[in-house]
C-alpha cells in the first residue's frame, strides 16, 4: 500500500541491478481494494518482468555491438601482421579465421613449437583477450579430463556467492584456454601460469586482474 493504492513490486535480479536506478520495480494496481488488487497482481508482475527483460536485452545488444567493433579493430591489426590486411579486405567476414589463427599462434608459442614474432604475438594476444566471449573451437576428440571438459561441472558444482563471480571465473578460464590451449588436467604445469600472467601483463592488464585470472584457473 502506497498513498492509498496497492502496488505490485518485483525485485531486480542481482545480475542486472546495474541497469536500473532502483532495486525494485513497482506498478500501481490503481485501486485500494485488496481483492481487486490481487486480481491484477499477476498481469502487472508479468509486465514488470517483460520490462526488465527488454532493458537487459537492449543493454546486451549494445554491449555485443561494442564488443564486435573492438574485435574487428584488433583483428585488423592481427591481419596486418600476417600480411593479409589490404584495401578491400573484409575483416569482419574473416573474423573467425583470424581468431583461430591467433589461438594457434599463441598455443604454438607457449608450447615451444614455434616462436611468434613480437608484433604478431602482441596482435594475437590483444585479439584473443578481446574475444573471450566467443566460443572456443575445441579439438574434435577432446576428452572429459580437459579444462573445457570439466569446466561446466566445476561451475555448476561450486557454491558461488554471486553470479558475477561465477561469470568472471568462466571468462578467465576460457581466456586461459584461448591462450595456452585446452590442456588435459595432468598436463598443466606451473610454467603455464607464469606464461598466462606474462601474456596478460603484456596485454596491459592490471596486477589485480592478473592475480584473479591466474587464481581462477588454479582454483578450478
Foldseek 3Di string as FASTA:
>chain_A
DPPLFDKAKDADPPVCVVLDPDRIDIDTLPHNDPVSSVVCRVVVVVVVVVVSVVSVVVVVVVVVVVLLVQLLVLLLQLCVVVVNDDPPDDSSVCSVVSLVVLLVQLQCCLVVNDNDDPSNVLSSLSNLLSCLVPDDDADPPDDCQWLVNCLVVVLVVDDDPDPVLSVLLSSLSSSLCSRHNRGGPVPDDPSSLVSQLVSCVSNPDDPVSSVVSSVSSVVD
